Amino acid sequence: MILKTLFSIALFFTGGHVIDTKLGLHHYSDNDYEEIFYLKNKASISKNCIRHSENENIKKMRRSKTDGGSETIFKVTKNEEKDSLQETLEEEITS
């Protein structure tokens, strides 16, 4: 229950947006954002970014800071395989 409340607060403040390690802004649907929120450390997932209209791999990582704290960062990379597969399917449909 506490984790669901924490998720609701995070979704309220971020609106489903994620900032990656290169300071890029990505937007995901509420259901996708929930799956990203509950990812374990060093786990990755593939989701559709609404802002870029592309499939992207999101990797959640925790790193230690020098002052003893820790922070969660997200590494977002473009998913080339699914994008090229989708383009191929679209070409076949239009042909």
Foldseek 3Di string as FASTA:
>chain_A
DVVVVVLVVVCVVQVQWAQAPVRDIFHADSVVSVVVVPDDAQDWDWGQTPVVRFIKIKGWHKDADPVGHIDIHIHIDGDVVVVVVVVVVVVVVVD
